Amino acid sequence: MSAPSVSLKPPAGAAPPQRHPEAPAPGELLGSHYDQCFGCGGDQPHGLHLEARAGEGVSVTAEFTVRPAHQGAPGLAHGGVLATALDETLGSLNWLLRVIAVTGRLETDFVRPVPVDTVLHLDARVTARHGRKIYSSAVGRIGGPDGPVAVRADALFIEVKVDHFIEHGRDQEIQAALSDPDQVKVARAFEVNP
């Protein structure tokens, strides 16, 4: 017997999202949450190196360039890499809520192929909150913010405490992150709702 599917539609009574008063200002570049992250980490050699910026309300914009290491079919981005770009962008919304959250469900629509060397422009926003659940959506466009839609996603994130990563991560990386003052600073910045 399989577990029931988690809905991406906010339930009745879900609250509209509220930007945290200490969230980064619109236009501000959001930092990497971890330097080895495949999505946003600057020290990950084959990563996306995705850079997200705070938008208006509870929204972010991001972009990344599809490199040869990101291809699936010859000359085209791998669908999993595109899903990762959407997931990373959606996860960046948590900077605006000042919470730590993990992906609970991600539903992706692939609309058109994305060639290597293309800059994918992503726009994501939180649509609702209900308890620890954060509902959001994103779209990725080719060539600019008004370009043709290539991918889109709806997601459900679940708010967690930093202990989630300490309990489930591999000890070697956890200890390295805990000894890095910049990583500890990022984690503690989100611990505003103990």
Protein backbone atom coordinates (compact mmCIF):
# COMPACT_ATOMS: atom_id res chain seq x y z
CA MET A 1 0.00 0.00 0.00
CA SER A 2 1.50 3.35 -1.01
CA ALA A 3 1.29 6.55 0.99
CA PRO A 4 -1.33 9.06 -0.11
CA SER A 5 -0.13 11.79 -2.44
CA VAL A 6 0.56 15.17 -0.87
CA SER A 7 -1.53 17.93 -2.42
CA LEU A 8 0.08 20.98 -3.92
CA LYS A 9 -3.15 22.93 -3.50
CA PRO A 10 -3.30 24.93 -0.27
CA PRO A 11 -6.12 23.80 2.02
CA ALA A 12 -9.04 26.00 3.03
CA GLY A 13 -7.81 28.30 5.76
CA ALA A 14 -4.27 28.60 4.40
CA ALA A 15 -2.80 32.02 5.08
CA PRO A 16 -1.40 34.37 2.46
CA PRO A 17 2.39 34.57 2.68
CA GLN A 18 3.97 37.30 4.78
CA ARG A 19 7.46 38.59 4.06
CA HIS A 20 9.54 38.57 7.25
CA PRO A 21 10.42 42.11 8.46
CA GLU A 22 14.14 41.20 8.42
CA ALA A 23 14.04 39.61 4.94
CA PRO A 24 16.54 40.82 2.35
CA ALA A 25 15.37 43.91 0.46
CA PRO A 26 13.96 43.62 -3.08
CA GLY A 27 16.83 43.36 -5.55
CA GLU A 28 19.29 42.07 -2.93
CA LEU A 29 21.38 39.07 -3.95
CA LEU A 30 20.66 36.08 -1.73
CA GLY A 31 23.67 34.12 -0.58
CA SER A 32 24.37 30.44 -0.90
CA HIS A 33 22.91 28.45 1.96
CA TYR A 34 25.83 26.00 1.71
CA ASP A 35 29.02 26.35 -0.36
CA GLN A 36 28.84 22.71 -1.54
CA CYS A 37 25.16 22.84 -2.60
CA PHE A 38 24.72 21.58 -6.17
CA GLY A 39 22.15 24.31 -6.82
CA CYS A 40 23.69 27.45 -5.31
CA GLY A 41 27.10 26.56 -3.90
CA GLY A 42 30.04 28.45 -5.29
CA ASP A 43 32.49 25.66 -4.41
CA GLN A 44 30.59 22.95 -6.31
CA PRO A 45 32.53 22.59 -9.61
CA HIS A 46 29.68 21.14 -11.70
CA GLY A 47 26.86 22.86 -9.83
CA LEU A 48 24.34 25.29 -11.22
CA HIS A 49 25.84 28.28 -9.37
CA LEU A 50 22.32 29.64 -9.34
CA GLU A 51 22.05 33.20 -8.05
CA ALA A 52 18.73 34.36 -6.63
CA ARG A 53 17.59 37.88 -5.81
CA ALA A 54 14.84 38.97 -3.49
CA GLY A 55 11.77 40.22 -5.33
CA GLU A 56 8.70 42.15 -4.25
CA GLY A 57 6.39 40.53 -1.72
CA VAL A 58 7.39 36.91 -1.18
CA SER A 59 9.06 36.32 -4.54
CA VAL A 60 12.54 35.75 -5.92
CA THR A 61 14.17 35.82 -9.31
CA ALA A 62 17.15 33.73 -10.32
CA GLU A 63 19.14 32.70 -13.33
CA PHE A 64 21.66 30.13 -14.35
CA THR A 65 23.46 29.25 -17.53
CA VAL A 66 23.12 25.69 -18.82
CA ARG A 67 26.67 24.36 -19.28
CA PRO A 68 27.85 21.24 -21.16
CA ALA A 69 28.09 19.39 -17.80
CA HIS A 70 24.31 19.92 -17.39
CA GLN A 71 23.22 18.23 -20.62
CA GLY A 72 21.11 15.11 -20.99
CA ALA A 73 20.40 14.77 -24.72
CA PRO A 74 23.18 16.14 -26.94
CA GLY A 75 23.22 19.92 -26.63
CA LEU A 76 20.16 20.09 -24.34
CA ALA A 77 19.75 20.53 -20.60
CA HIS A 78 18.96 17.39 -18.62
CA GLY A 79 15.41 17.49 -17.24
CA GLY A 80 16.68 16.67 -13.76
CA VAL A 81 18.98 19.68 -13.87
CA LEU A 82 16.05 21.90 -14.85
CA ALA A 83 13.99 20.46 -11.99
CA THR A 84 16.94 21.16 -9.67
CA ALA A 85 17.06 24.79 -10.85
CA LEU A 86 13.35 25.16 -10.10
CA ASP A 87 13.74 23.46 -6.71
CA GLU A 88 16.69 25.68 -5.77
CA THR A 89 14.83 28.83 -6.79
CA LEU A 90 11.74 27.78 -4.86
CA GLY A 91 13.92 26.97 -1.85
CA SER A 92 15.40 30.48 -2.00
CA LEU A 93 11.98 31.83 -1.04
CA ASN A 94 12.70 30.69 2.50
CA TRP A 95 15.18 33.58 2.84
CA LEU A 96 12.18 35.92 2.62
CA LEU A 97 10.18 34.00 5.20
CA ARG A 98 13.24 33.54 7.45
CA VAL A 99 12.56 29.82 7.90
CA ILE A 100 14.44 26.63 7.16
CA ALA A 101 12.35 24.35 4.96
CA VAL A 102 12.89 21.27 2.80
CA THR A 103 11.15 20.16 -0.35
CA GLY A 104 8.18 17.92 0.41
CA ARG A 105 6.90 17.68 -3.15
CA LEU A 106 7.90 19.19 -6.48
CA GLU A 107 5.76 18.82 -9.59
CA THR A 108 7.48 19.96 -12.77
CA ASP A 109 6.17 20.62 -16.27
CA PHE A 110 8.72 20.59 -19.10
CA VAL A 111 7.34 22.87 -21.81
CA ARG A 112 10.25 23.16 -24.26
CA PRO A 113 13.88 22.03 -24.58
CA VAL A 114 16.58 24.26 -23.14
CA PRO A 115 19.82 24.30 -25.18
CA VAL A 116 23.30 24.30 -23.66
CA ASP A 117 24.66 27.85 -23.16
CA THR A 118 21.13 29.18 -22.61
CA VAL A 119 20.49 31.49 -19.67
CA LEU A 120 17.37 30.31 -17.87
CA HIS A 121 15.50 33.08 -16.03
CA LEU A 122 13.45 31.87 -13.08
CA ASP A 123 10.70 33.57 -11.11
CA ALA A 124 9.23 32.01 -7.95
CA ARG A 125 6.70 33.05 -5.35
CA VAL A 126 5.08 31.71 -2.22
CA THR A 127 1.33 31.35 -2.74
CA ALA A 128 0.21 30.31 0.78
CA ARG A 129 1.23 28.94 4.19
CA HIS A 130 -0.55 26.46 6.41
CA GLY A 131 1.20 25.48 9.64
CA ARG A 132 4.64 24.16 8.66
CA LYS A 133 3.63 23.84 4.98
CA ILE A 134 4.74 26.44 2.44
CA TYR A 135 3.09 26.38 -1.00
CA SER A 136 4.90 27.96 -3.94
CA SER A 137 5.22 28.07 -7.73
CA ALA A 138 7.94 28.94 -10.24
CA VAL A 139 8.45 29.43 -13.95
CA GLY A 140 11.65 29.30 -16.02
CA ARG A 141 11.97 31.29 -19.24
CA ILE A 142 14.55 31.18 -22.02
CA GLY A 143 16.52 34.29 -22.95
CA GLY A 144 15.01 36.75 -20.48
CA PRO A 145 12.24 37.42 -17.98
CA ASP A 146 9.72 37.78 -20.83
CA GLY A 147 11.06 34.92 -22.95
CA PRO A 148 9.20 31.74 -23.80
CA VAL A 149 8.34 29.43 -20.89
CA ALA A 150 10.57 26.35 -20.80
CA VAL A 151 9.73 24.85 -17.39
CA ARG A 152 7.36 25.49 -14.50
CA ALA A 153 6.74 23.91 -11.12
CA ASP A 154 4.49 23.85 -8.11
CA ALA A 155 6.00 22.86 -4.78
CA LEU A 156 5.30 22.12 -1.17
CA PHE A 157 8.06 22.88 1.34
CA ILE A 158 7.99 21.75 4.97
CA GLU A 159 9.47 23.96 7.68
CA VAL A 160 12.14 22.21 9.79
CA LYS A 161 14.72 23.16 12.40
CA VAL A 162 18.47 23.10 11.71
CA ASP A 163 18.56 19.88 13.75
CA HIS A 164 16.94 18.11 10.78
CA PHE A 165 20.23 18.39 8.87
CA ILE A 166 22.39 17.52 11.86
CA GLU A 167 20.37 14.35 12.48
CA HIS A 168 20.18 13.20 8.85
CA GLY A 169 23.33 14.55 7.18
CA ARG A 170 26.67 12.79 6.87
CA ASP A 171 28.86 13.58 9.88
CA GLN A 172 31.92 14.67 7.85
CA GLU A 173 30.01 17.45 6.05
CA ILE A 174 28.03 18.41 9.15
CA GLN A 175 31.23 18.91 11.16
CA ALA A 176 32.82 20.93 8.34
CA ALA A 177 29.74 23.17 8.12
CA LEU A 178 29.56 23.60 11.90
CA SER A 179 33.23 24.65 11.99
CA ASP A 180 32.69 27.25 9.22
CA PRO A 181 31.60 30.53 10.86
CA ASP A 182 29.83 31.67 7.68
CA GLN A 183 27.73 28.50 7.54
CA VAL A 184 26.83 28.74 11.22
CA LYS A 185 25.88 32.39 10.72
CA VAL A 186 23.47 31.44 7.89
CA ALA A 187 21.88 28.65 9.92
CA ARG A 188 21.43 30.80 13.00
CA ALA A 189 19.95 33.66 10.99
CA PHE A 190 17.00 31.42 10.22
CA GLU A 191 16.51 30.27 13.82
CA VAL A 192 14.17 33.19 14.52
CA ASN A 193 11.14 31.00 15.24
CA PRO A 194 12.44 28.45 17.79
